[in-house]
Protein backbone atom coordinates (compact mmCIF):
# COMPACT_ATOMS: atom_id res chain seq x y z
CA UNK A 1 -32.82 -44.36 48.05
CA UNK A 2 -31.95 -40.74 48.74
CA UNK A 3 -28.76 -38.73 48.61
CA UNK A 4 -26.87 -37.44 51.64
CA UNK A 5 -26.81 -33.61 51.63
CA UNK A 6 -23.33 -32.18 50.96
CA UNK A 7 -23.51 -30.28 54.26
CA UNK A 8 -23.04 -33.55 56.15
CA UNK A 9 -20.10 -34.93 54.15
CA UNK A 10 -17.40 -33.26 56.26
CA UNK A 11 -19.23 -33.99 59.49
CA UNK A 12 -19.13 -37.70 58.75
CA UNK A 13 -15.33 -37.64 58.47
CA UNK A 14 -14.73 -35.94 61.83
CA UNK A 15 -14.93 -36.77 65.52
CA UNK A 16 -18.64 -35.96 65.38
CA UNK A 17 -19.13 -39.12 63.33
CA UNK A 18 -17.56 -41.14 66.14
CA UNK A 19 -19.59 -39.33 68.80
CA UNK A 20 -22.87 -40.03 66.96
CA UNK A 21 -22.03 -43.67 66.18
CA UNK A 22 -24.39 -45.86 68.26
CA UNK A 23 -22.34 -48.97 67.47
CA UNK A 24 -19.23 -47.49 69.06
CA UNK A 25 -21.05 -46.36 72.17
CA UNK A 26 -22.64 -49.78 72.47
CA UNK A 27 -19.19 -51.38 72.47
CA UNK A 28 -18.03 -49.02 75.23
CA UNK A 29 -21.13 -49.72 77.33
CA UNK A 30 -20.66 -53.47 76.94
CA UNK A 31 -17.07 -53.53 78.20
CA UNK A 32 -16.89 -56.06 80.99
CA UNK A 33 -20.54 -57.01 80.60
CA UNK A 34 -22.24 -60.09 79.22
CA UNK A 35 -25.54 -60.66 77.49
CA UNK A 36 -26.99 -60.27 74.02
CA UNK A 37 -29.28 -57.28 74.42
CA UNK A 38 -28.64 -54.19 72.34
CA UNK A 39 -29.74 -50.66 73.31
CA UNK A 40 -32.67 -49.12 71.38
CA UNK A 41 -30.46 -46.83 69.27
CA UNK A 42 -28.44 -49.81 68.02
CA UNK A 43 -31.57 -51.82 67.26
CA UNK A 44 -32.88 -48.85 65.26
CA UNK A 45 -29.57 -48.62 63.39
CA UNK A 46 -29.76 -52.34 62.50
CA UNK A 47 -33.34 -51.94 61.29
CA UNK A 48 -32.28 -49.06 59.04
CA UNK A 49 -29.37 -51.12 57.72
CA UNK A 50 -31.70 -53.99 56.87
CA UNK A 51 -34.28 -51.66 55.30
CA UNK A 52 -31.62 -50.04 53.11
CA UNK A 53 -30.50 -53.41 51.77
CA UNK A 54 -34.08 -54.51 51.14
CA UNK A 55 -34.76 -51.34 49.13
CA UNK A 56 -31.52 -51.73 47.17
CA UNK A 57 -32.28 -55.36 46.27
CA UNK A 58 -35.88 -54.49 45.31
CA UNK A 59 -34.50 -51.78 43.03
CA UNK A 60 -32.03 -53.97 41.17
CA UNK A 61 -34.40 -56.92 40.75
CA UNK A 62 -37.16 -54.57 39.59
CA UNK A 63 -34.86 -53.08 36.95
CA UNK A 64 -33.75 -56.54 35.90
CA UNK A 65 -37.29 -57.88 35.51
CA UNK A 66 -38.42 -54.80 33.59
CA UNK A 67 -35.50 -55.21 31.20
CA UNK A 68 -36.57 -58.79 30.53
CA UNK A 69 -40.17 -57.94 29.58
CA UNK A 70 -41.17 -58.61 25.98
CA UNK A 71 -42.82 -55.18 25.63
CA UNK A 72 -39.86 -53.33 27.19
CA UNK A 73 -38.26 -50.17 25.91
CA UNK A 74 -35.14 -51.28 24.03
CA UNK A 75 -33.34 -47.97 24.45
CA UNK A 76 -30.04 -48.28 26.37
CA UNK A 77 -30.25 -47.59 30.08
CA UNK A 78 -27.89 -47.50 33.05
CA UNK A 79 -28.90 -48.97 36.39
CA UNK A 80 -26.83 -48.44 39.53
CA UNK A 81 -27.43 -50.02 42.92
CA UNK A 82 -25.36 -49.80 46.10
CA UNK A 83 -25.80 -52.65 48.59
CA UNK A 84 -24.34 -52.56 52.11
CA UNK A 85 -23.11 -56.15 51.99
CA UNK A 86 -21.08 -57.96 53.19
CA UNK A 87 -20.28 -54.80 55.15
CA UNK A 88 -20.76 -54.88 58.90
CA UNK A 89 -22.88 -54.92 61.03
CA UNK A 90 -23.35 -58.64 60.50
CA UNK A 91 -27.12 -59.10 60.60
CA UNK A 92 -27.55 -62.11 58.30
CA UNK A 93 -26.45 -65.71 58.33
CA UNK A 94 -25.27 -67.46 55.17
CA UNK A 95 -28.90 -68.08 54.12
CA UNK A 96 -29.92 -64.43 54.51
CA UNK A 97 -31.86 -65.05 57.73
CA UNK A 98 -31.67 -62.23 60.26
CA UNK A 99 -29.61 -63.28 63.27
CA UNK A 100 -31.46 -63.42 66.57
CA UNK A 101 -28.76 -61.52 68.47
CA UNK A 102 -26.69 -59.50 65.97
CA UNK A 103 -23.81 -57.56 67.44
CA UNK A 104 -21.78 -54.60 66.14
CA UNK A 105 -18.54 -56.62 66.19
CA UNK A 106 -16.88 -55.74 62.89
CA UNK A 107 -13.95 -58.09 63.54
CA UNK A 108 -16.15 -61.17 64.06
CA UNK A 109 -14.76 -63.38 61.30
CA UNK A 110 -17.34 -66.24 61.49
CA UNK A 111 -20.24 -63.79 61.17
CA UNK A 112 -18.45 -61.89 58.41
CA UNK A 113 -17.96 -65.11 56.44
CA UNK A 114 -21.62 -66.02 56.90
CA UNK A 115 -22.73 -62.65 55.56
CA UNK A 116 -20.18 -62.96 52.76
CA UNK A 117 -21.68 -66.30 51.68
CA UNK A 118 -25.12 -64.68 51.64
CA UNK A 119 -23.74 -61.79 49.57
CA UNK A 120 -22.24 -64.23 47.06
CA UNK A 121 -25.61 -65.94 46.66
CA UNK A 122 -27.24 -62.56 45.99
CA UNK A 123 -24.63 -61.74 43.34
CA UNK A 124 -25.40 -65.03 41.60
CA UNK A 125 -29.16 -64.35 41.67
CA UNK A 126 -28.64 -60.84 40.29
CA UNK A 127 -26.38 -61.97 37.45
CA UNK A 128 -28.67 -64.91 36.61
CA UNK A 129 -31.57 -62.49 36.34
CA UNK A 130 -29.62 -60.04 34.19
CA UNK A 131 -28.38 -62.75 31.83
CA UNK A 132 -31.78 -64.42 31.52
CA UNK A 133 -32.55 -62.11 28.63
CA UNK A 134 -30.06 -62.93 25.86
CA UNK A 135 -31.35 -60.25 23.44
CA UNK A 136 -30.40 -57.04 25.20
CA UNK A 137 -26.64 -56.43 25.19
CA UNK A 138 -25.40 -56.15 28.74
CA UNK A 139 -22.40 -54.87 30.63
CA UNK A 140 -22.34 -55.94 34.28
CA UNK A 141 -20.03 -54.39 36.86
CA UNK A 142 -19.84 -55.74 40.41
CA UNK A 143 -17.48 -53.82 42.67
CA UNK A 144 -16.68 -53.47 46.33
CA UNK A 145 -15.49 -50.19 47.80
CA UNK A 146 -13.01 -51.92 50.12
CA UNK A 147 -11.95 -55.31 51.41
CA UNK A 148 -12.14 -56.73 54.93
CA UNK A 149 -10.77 -54.00 57.17
CA UNK A 150 -10.27 -55.79 60.44
CA UNK A 151 -7.41 -58.23 59.92
CA UNK A 152 -4.52 -57.75 62.27
CA UNK A 153 -1.82 -55.91 60.34
CA UNK A 154 0.74 -58.61 61.06
CA UNK A 155 -1.50 -61.26 59.51
CA UNK A 156 -2.95 -59.58 56.44
CA UNK A 157 -1.41 -56.17 55.70
CA UNK A 158 -3.25 -54.19 53.04
CA UNK A 159 -6.30 -56.48 52.98
CA UNK A 160 -8.69 -53.55 53.16
CA UNK A 161 -7.58 -52.53 49.67
CA UNK A 162 -8.45 -55.92 48.12
CA UNK A 163 -11.81 -54.79 46.77
CA UNK A 164 -13.85 -56.94 44.40
CA UNK A 165 -13.89 -55.81 40.77
CA UNK A 166 -15.76 -58.19 38.47
CA UNK A 167 -17.13 -57.34 35.02
CA UNK A 168 -19.09 -59.01 32.24
CA UNK A 169 -19.04 -57.77 28.64
CA UNK A 170 -21.65 -59.08 26.22
CA UNK A 171 -19.04 -59.44 23.44
CA UNK A 172 -16.61 -61.31 25.72
CA UNK A 173 -13.80 -58.99 24.65
CA UNK A 174 -11.99 -57.99 27.83
CA UNK A 175 -9.05 -56.24 26.25
CA UNK A 176 -7.80 -53.38 28.35
CA UNK A 177 -8.64 -55.07 31.64
CA UNK A 178 -5.88 -56.35 33.92
CA UNK A 179 -5.98 -58.28 37.18
CA UNK A 180 -4.23 -55.49 39.07
CA UNK A 181 -6.30 -52.68 37.59
CA UNK A 182 -7.74 -50.29 40.14
CA UNK A 183 -11.42 -49.39 40.13
CA UNK A 184 -10.68 -45.90 38.85
CA UNK A 185 -9.97 -47.29 35.36
CA UNK A 186 -12.97 -49.61 35.01
CA UNK A 187 -15.28 -47.14 33.31
CA UNK A 188 -12.44 -45.76 31.20
CA UNK A 189 -11.98 -49.20 29.66
CA UNK A 190 -15.73 -49.48 29.07
CA UNK A 191 -15.99 -46.03 27.46
CA UNK A 192 -13.02 -46.78 25.21
CA UNK A 193 -14.19 -50.27 24.20
CA UNK A 194 -17.89 -49.55 23.68
CA UNK A 195 -18.42 -45.82 23.25
CA UNK A 196 -15.55 -44.80 20.97
CA UNK A 197 -13.63 -42.66 23.45
CA UNK A 198 -9.85 -42.54 23.84
CA UNK A 199 -9.51 -41.87 27.53
CA UNK A 200 -6.02 -42.43 28.97
CA UNK A 201 -5.61 -44.93 31.79
CA UNK A 202 -4.88 -43.42 35.18
CA UNK A 203 -2.09 -44.68 37.39
CA UNK A 204 -3.18 -47.72 39.40
CA UNK A 205 -2.31 -46.61 42.88
CA UNK A 206 -3.84 -46.35 46.32
CA UNK A 207 -3.46 -43.32 48.56
CA UNK A 208 -3.90 -44.11 52.23
CA UNK A 209 -4.32 -41.17 54.59
CA UNK A 210 -3.83 -42.05 58.25
């Protein structure tokens, strides 16, 4: 899917990122106006968002199907896929159908929940595919990088840090995992339990820089 060049990492964390964000400018332009039309740059951004997710899903289902083939290579392999869901913009309804008039409203709870339902159905399809083959030993990790960011602070403080962290171990031995464990320790538990390492657990904490 491509890797962002390091030269753009800092740029994306500065005011330039805001200046170049077509979604933000669209919101400003729409202040006090009505209608469902989006400017061309926003439509292009939505198309790229949809294309990225399509490529990501094709990648993970392709890997899954290849792993289930009878004449497969039984050597261990690691497959990683990043999907931009249920992250905004909210383009899909709960059935995965593209909305007719999607909008860059990241605090639109009904549309977020619809896209979340679609995301949950995708997770089920992915795990069903991976577990269809009962011969290959599998470890499945499903993680989010953050929770819903747009609650009002008075209603749901800290919600953006409630990120999904779900795992499946083929031996069903989940020792070392805890409900409050941060993502940073997930692979440390896996390396210790399955690859004979003795990595220490890091402190489960969140650093928030305003």
